[in-house]
Amino acid sequence: MKIIVLGSGTSTGVPMVGCDCPVCRSADPRDQRTRASLLIQSGGRNILVDTCPDLRQQMLREQVTQVDAVLFTHAHADHVNGIDDLRGFHFRHRSVVPAYASPAVLEKLLGGFRYIFERGVQDTHPPLLQPVSIDGLFELFGLSVVPIKLVHGPGFSCGYRIGSFAYLTDCSAIPDSSLALLQGVETVVIDGLRWSSHPFHFNIQGAIAVAQTLGAARIILTHLTHEVAYAESAQLPAGVEFAYDGLTLQLGEE
C-alpha cells in the first residue's frame, strides 16, 4: 500500500493570498502547501481522501489517471470544493465511483453538490459519485477501512485507519472510543496546524502528545499553516516530521 500526501496545507494554502511572511516567500518547495488531501494506492486502485480546491493541480502533479473511490472526512470548503474536478476522470472512464462519508457529511454534500450525485432534468452532466453512508468498519478493494470519529472544534470530522496506518486530519481532540480503535497504529498522519494553540485544530505539541499515546513509530504532521516553516522540523522530537506535498509512504499492507 502506498500513501501520497497530495496536500499538506491548511484552508488558505501556503503561500497565503496577500501575505509576504518568510514562509510564504520561502524558496523551499516543501513550504508550498496545497490544501489537505491524501491518496491511497493499493492493488492498482486509487482511493482519494477529500476533494480539496487544489484537486486538479494535485492530480496533474502526481500523474493520477483514475480515481476508484473517495473518502470524505468532513464537509468544510477546503476539503470538498474541488469535487467538480472529478469530471475529468469520468470523461475518461465513464464510471460512477463510490463516495464514502458519514450520513451528516453526505447530507451536506448532497445539499451543495447534488448534481455530482444525481442527474436532474435540466442538468447537462451525468453524476460522478455514488453516495455510500458509513457507520463502522467497511471493506474497500480488499482493504478493511475503519472510520475514526474526531472532534473538530464544535463539530466532528472522520479519520480513517487502514491496517497500521491512520489519517487524522482536522481534529482538536480524539474521543476515548476512537483512541481505542487506533491502538497499534505504526504510522499516523495527523492535524498539527501550528505551534500556537487553535480552538478547532491540534497544535503541533498537542498532535505529538496524542499520537505518542498510540505508540506510533512515525508521526507526520499535516494541515500546516504559513506560521510553520519546514526547516523547523529540526525542533521536532525523534519519530516526528512535517508533511509536505508529494510525501510518499510505502507501507507493508496490500
Protein backbone atom coordinates (compact mmCIF):
# COMPACT_ATOMS: atom_id res chain seq x y z
CA MET A 1 0.00 0.00 0.00
CA LYS A 2 1.34 3.40 -0.97
CA ILE A 3 0.24 6.66 0.62
CA ILE A 4 0.78 10.01 -1.10
CA VAL A 5 0.23 13.27 0.78
CA LEU A 6 -1.42 15.25 -2.01
CA GLY A 7 -1.80 18.40 0.06
CA SER A 8 -0.31 19.31 3.44
CA GLY A 9 -1.67 22.81 3.94
CA THR A 10 -4.44 24.44 5.90
CA SER A 11 -7.55 26.08 4.44
CA THR A 12 -5.71 29.10 2.98
CA GLY A 13 -2.92 27.10 1.40
CA VAL A 14 0.68 28.28 1.54
CA PRO A 15 1.66 30.82 0.26
CA MET A 16 -1.42 32.54 1.58
CA VAL A 17 -3.03 35.20 -0.59
CA GLY A 18 -1.83 38.68 0.33
CA CYS A 19 0.95 37.52 2.67
CA ASP A 20 4.67 38.22 2.39
CA CYS A 21 5.84 36.45 5.56
CA PRO A 22 9.07 34.41 5.39
CA VAL A 23 7.25 31.10 4.90
CA CYS A 24 5.04 32.46 2.14
CA ARG A 25 8.19 33.79 0.42
CA SER A 26 10.22 30.64 1.12
CA ALA A 27 12.21 29.05 -1.71
CA ASP A 28 11.88 25.62 -0.08
CA PRO A 29 9.29 23.72 -2.17
CA ARG A 30 8.19 21.89 0.98
CA ASP A 31 6.79 25.21 2.24
CA GLN A 32 4.45 25.43 -0.77
CA ARG A 33 1.37 23.64 0.51
CA THR A 34 -1.87 22.92 -1.29
CA ARG A 35 -4.98 22.15 0.74
CA ALA A 36 -5.01 18.91 2.77
CA SER A 37 -5.81 15.66 0.97
CA LEU A 38 -4.44 12.15 0.59
CA LEU A 39 -4.19 9.35 -1.98
CA ILE A 40 -4.14 5.67 -1.03
CA GLN A 41 -2.91 3.25 -3.70
CA SER A 42 -3.40 -0.48 -3.31
CA GLY A 43 -3.89 -3.34 -5.74
CA GLY A 44 -3.99 -1.00 -8.73
CA ARG A 45 -6.76 1.11 -7.17
CA ASN A 46 -6.67 4.78 -6.23
CA ILE A 47 -8.60 5.88 -3.16
CA LEU A 48 -8.83 9.66 -2.74
CA VAL A 49 -9.39 11.22 0.68
CA ASP A 50 -11.23 14.53 0.25
CA THR A 51 -11.63 16.71 -2.84
CA CYS A 52 -9.87 19.91 -1.88
CA PRO A 53 -9.93 23.07 -4.05
CA ASP A 54 -6.45 22.18 -5.38
CA LEU A 55 -7.50 18.71 -6.59
CA ARG A 56 -6.81 19.32 -10.30
CA GLN A 57 -3.31 20.62 -9.57
CA GLN A 58 -2.58 17.67 -7.28
CA MET A 59 -3.80 15.05 -9.75
CA LEU A 60 -1.71 16.56 -12.54
CA ARG A 61 1.35 16.76 -10.32
CA GLU A 62 1.12 13.09 -9.30
CA GLN A 63 0.02 11.95 -12.79
CA VAL A 64 -3.09 10.23 -11.45
CA THR A 65 -5.23 8.92 -14.31
CA GLN A 66 -8.10 7.37 -12.37
CA VAL A 67 -9.92 7.59 -9.05
CA ASP A 68 -11.74 4.46 -7.90
CA ALA A 69 -13.30 5.71 -4.64
CA VAL A 70 -13.46 8.82 -2.49
CA LEU A 71 -13.46 9.02 1.31
CA PHE A 72 -14.66 12.27 2.84
CA THR A 73 -13.52 13.45 6.28
CA HIS A 74 -15.99 16.33 6.64
CA ALA A 75 -17.77 18.94 4.55
CA HIS A 76 -15.72 22.09 5.11
CA ALA A 77 -14.94 24.00 1.91
CA ASP A 78 -11.20 23.31 1.92
CA HIS A 79 -11.94 19.56 1.84
CA VAL A 80 -14.80 19.35 -0.65
CA ASN A 81 -14.86 22.33 -3.01
CA GLY A 82 -12.68 20.65 -5.64
CA ILE A 83 -15.28 17.93 -6.16
CA ASP A 84 -16.09 19.15 -9.68
CA ASP A 85 -12.53 18.33 -10.77
CA LEU A 86 -13.53 14.65 -10.70
CA ARG A 87 -15.36 15.24 -14.00
CA GLY A 88 -12.13 14.71 -15.96
CA PHE A 89 -11.84 11.15 -14.67
CA HIS A 90 -15.47 10.47 -15.61
CA PHE A 91 -14.90 11.73 -19.14
CA ARG A 92 -12.06 9.20 -19.46
CA HIS A 93 -13.60 6.17 -17.77
CA ARG A 94 -17.36 6.78 -17.73
CA SER A 95 -17.63 5.21 -14.30
CA VAL A 96 -19.56 6.42 -11.26
CA VAL A 97 -17.36 5.77 -8.24
CA PRO A 98 -18.40 5.28 -4.62
CA ALA A 99 -18.06 8.16 -2.18
CA TYR A 100 -17.94 7.18 1.49
CA ALA A 101 -18.88 9.56 4.30
CA SER A 102 -20.94 9.82 7.44
CA PRO A 103 -24.68 10.47 6.97
CA ALA A 104 -24.29 14.07 8.15
CA VAL A 105 -21.48 14.78 5.67
CA LEU A 106 -23.36 13.14 2.80
CA GLU A 107 -26.37 15.32 3.59
CA LYS A 108 -24.22 18.45 3.28
CA LEU A 109 -22.58 17.22 0.09
CA LEU A 110 -25.93 16.45 -1.48
CA GLY A 111 -27.18 19.86 -0.43
CA GLY A 112 -24.26 21.70 -2.02
CA PHE A 113 -23.32 19.41 -4.91
CA ARG A 114 -26.43 17.40 -5.75
CA TYR A 115 -25.52 17.40 -9.46
CA ILE A 116 -22.42 15.37 -8.60
CA PHE A 117 -24.58 12.57 -7.20
CA GLU A 118 -27.88 12.83 -9.11
CA ARG A 119 -28.82 13.97 -12.59
CA GLY A 120 -31.66 16.46 -12.60
CA VAL A 121 -33.93 17.15 -15.53
CA GLN A 122 -32.00 20.26 -16.56
CA ASP A 123 -28.50 19.01 -15.66
CA THR A 124 -26.00 18.85 -18.51
CA HIS A 125 -23.57 16.35 -16.97
CA PRO A 126 -24.03 12.81 -15.63
CA PRO A 127 -23.45 12.00 -11.94
CA LEU A 128 -19.87 11.28 -10.88
CA LEU A 129 -20.25 9.76 -7.42
CA GLN A 130 -22.46 7.17 -5.72
CA PRO A 131 -23.02 8.16 -2.08
CA VAL A 132 -22.29 5.44 0.47
CA SER A 133 -23.14 6.07 4.11
CA ILE A 134 -20.66 4.67 6.63
CA ASP A 135 -21.16 3.67 10.25
CA GLY A 136 -18.31 1.42 11.28
CA LEU A 137 -15.75 -0.76 9.53
CA PHE A 138 -16.22 -1.41 5.80
CA GLU A 139 -14.31 -3.26 3.09
CA LEU A 140 -12.95 -1.44 0.06
CA PHE A 141 -10.91 -3.16 -2.67
CA GLY A 142 -9.69 -5.77 -0.21
CA LEU A 143 -8.80 -3.24 2.49
CA SER A 144 -10.51 -3.02 5.87
CA VAL A 145 -11.26 0.66 6.47
CA VAL A 146 -12.08 1.84 9.99
CA PRO A 147 -13.77 5.26 10.29
CA ILE A 148 -12.42 7.20 13.28
CA LYS A 149 -14.66 9.86 14.81
CA LEU A 150 -12.70 13.04 15.64
CA VAL A 151 -13.62 16.22 17.46
CA HIS A 152 -13.14 19.27 15.23
CA GLY A 153 -13.87 22.32 17.36
CA PRO A 154 -17.65 22.42 17.92
CA GLY A 155 -18.20 19.75 15.26
CA PHE A 156 -16.80 16.44 14.13
CA SER A 157 -14.56 15.06 11.43
CA CYS A 158 -13.82 11.49 10.35
CA GLY A 159 -10.37 9.98 10.24
CA TYR A 160 -9.58 6.64 8.66
CA ARG A 161 -7.46 3.70 9.74
CA ILE A 162 -6.26 1.03 7.30
CA GLY A 163 -4.07 -1.60 8.92
CA SER A 164 -1.18 0.05 10.73
CA PHE A 165 -1.80 3.44 9.07
CA ALA A 166 -4.16 6.23 10.19
CA TYR A 167 -5.08 9.58 8.65
CA LEU A 168 -6.44 12.03 11.22
CA THR A 169 -6.87 15.47 9.72
CA ASP A 170 -8.93 18.38 11.10
CA CYS A 171 -9.20 17.46 14.75
CA SER A 172 -8.82 19.16 18.10
CA ALA A 173 -9.45 16.08 20.25
CA ILE A 174 -9.87 12.33 19.86
CA PRO A 175 -12.63 10.65 21.90
CA ASP A 176 -11.66 7.68 24.08
CA SER A 177 -13.74 5.36 21.90
CA SER A 178 -11.71 6.44 18.87
CA LEU A 179 -8.39 6.13 20.70
CA ALA A 180 -9.27 2.50 21.33
CA LEU A 181 -9.69 1.98 17.56
CA LEU A 182 -6.26 3.49 16.94
CA GLN A 183 -4.23 1.31 19.26
CA GLY A 184 -1.37 -0.41 17.48
CA VAL A 185 -1.04 2.03 14.59
CA GLU A 186 2.53 2.49 13.43
CA THR A 187 2.24 5.45 11.05
CA VAL A 188 -0.06 8.41 11.74
CA VAL A 189 -0.65 11.48 9.57
CA ILE A 190 -2.32 13.93 11.95
CA ASP A 191 -3.52 17.54 12.05
CA GLY A 192 -0.80 19.70 13.64
CA LEU A 193 -1.80 23.15 12.45
CA ARG A 194 0.86 25.40 14.00
CA TRP A 195 2.94 25.96 17.14
CA SER A 196 0.36 28.20 18.84
CA SER A 197 -3.00 26.88 20.02
CA HIS A 198 -6.20 26.90 17.96
CA PRO A 199 -9.78 26.07 19.05
CA PHE A 200 -10.54 23.76 16.11
CA HIS A 201 -7.22 22.02 15.45
CA PHE A 202 -4.42 20.33 17.37
CA ASN A 203 -1.35 22.48 17.55
CA ILE A 204 2.00 20.79 16.99
CA GLN A 205 2.60 19.88 20.62
CA GLY A 206 -0.95 18.59 21.07
CA ALA A 207 -0.81 16.42 17.96
CA ILE A 208 2.51 14.92 19.02
CA ALA A 209 1.25 14.20 22.52
CA VAL A 210 -1.89 12.36 21.42
CA ALA A 211 -0.08 10.44 18.66
CA GLN A 212 2.62 9.33 21.08
CA THR A 213 -0.03 7.82 23.37
CA LEU A 214 -0.86 5.47 20.49
CA GLY A 215 2.72 4.23 20.32
CA ALA A 216 3.10 5.22 16.67
CA ALA A 217 6.66 4.89 15.39
CA ARG A 218 6.21 7.57 12.72
CA ILE A 219 4.16 10.72 13.30
CA ILE A 220 3.61 13.07 10.36
CA LEU A 221 2.06 16.49 10.97
CA THR A 222 -0.20 17.88 8.25
CA HIS A 223 -2.73 20.71 7.66
CA LEU A 224 0.11 23.18 8.32
CA THR A 225 -0.22 26.96 8.22
CA HIS A 226 2.21 29.60 6.96
CA GLU A 227 3.33 30.02 10.57
CA VAL A 228 5.34 26.81 10.23
CA ALA A 229 8.50 26.54 8.09
CA TYR A 230 9.56 23.08 7.01
CA ALA A 231 13.06 23.92 8.27
CA GLU A 232 11.63 23.98 11.79
CA SER A 233 11.36 20.20 11.62
CA ALA A 234 14.75 20.26 13.37
CA GLN A 235 12.81 21.22 16.51
CA LEU A 236 10.63 18.10 16.40
CA PRO A 237 11.34 15.05 18.55
CA ALA A 238 12.59 11.80 17.05
CA GLY A 239 9.94 9.98 15.04
CA VAL A 240 8.01 13.18 14.24
CA GLU A 241 8.14 15.09 10.95
CA PHE A 242 6.24 17.66 8.93
CA ALA A 243 4.27 16.51 5.91
CA TYR A 244 4.86 18.14 2.56
CA ASP A 245 3.06 17.95 -0.77
CA GLY A 246 4.12 14.78 -2.58
CA LEU A 247 5.44 12.96 0.50
CA THR A 248 5.14 9.25 -0.29
CA LEU A 249 4.93 6.40 2.21
CA GLN A 250 5.40 2.79 1.19
CA LEU A 251 3.67 0.56 3.74
CA GLY A 252 3.61 -3.19 4.00
CA GLU A 253 -0.12 -3.88 3.76
CA GLU A 254 -1.64 -4.86 0.43
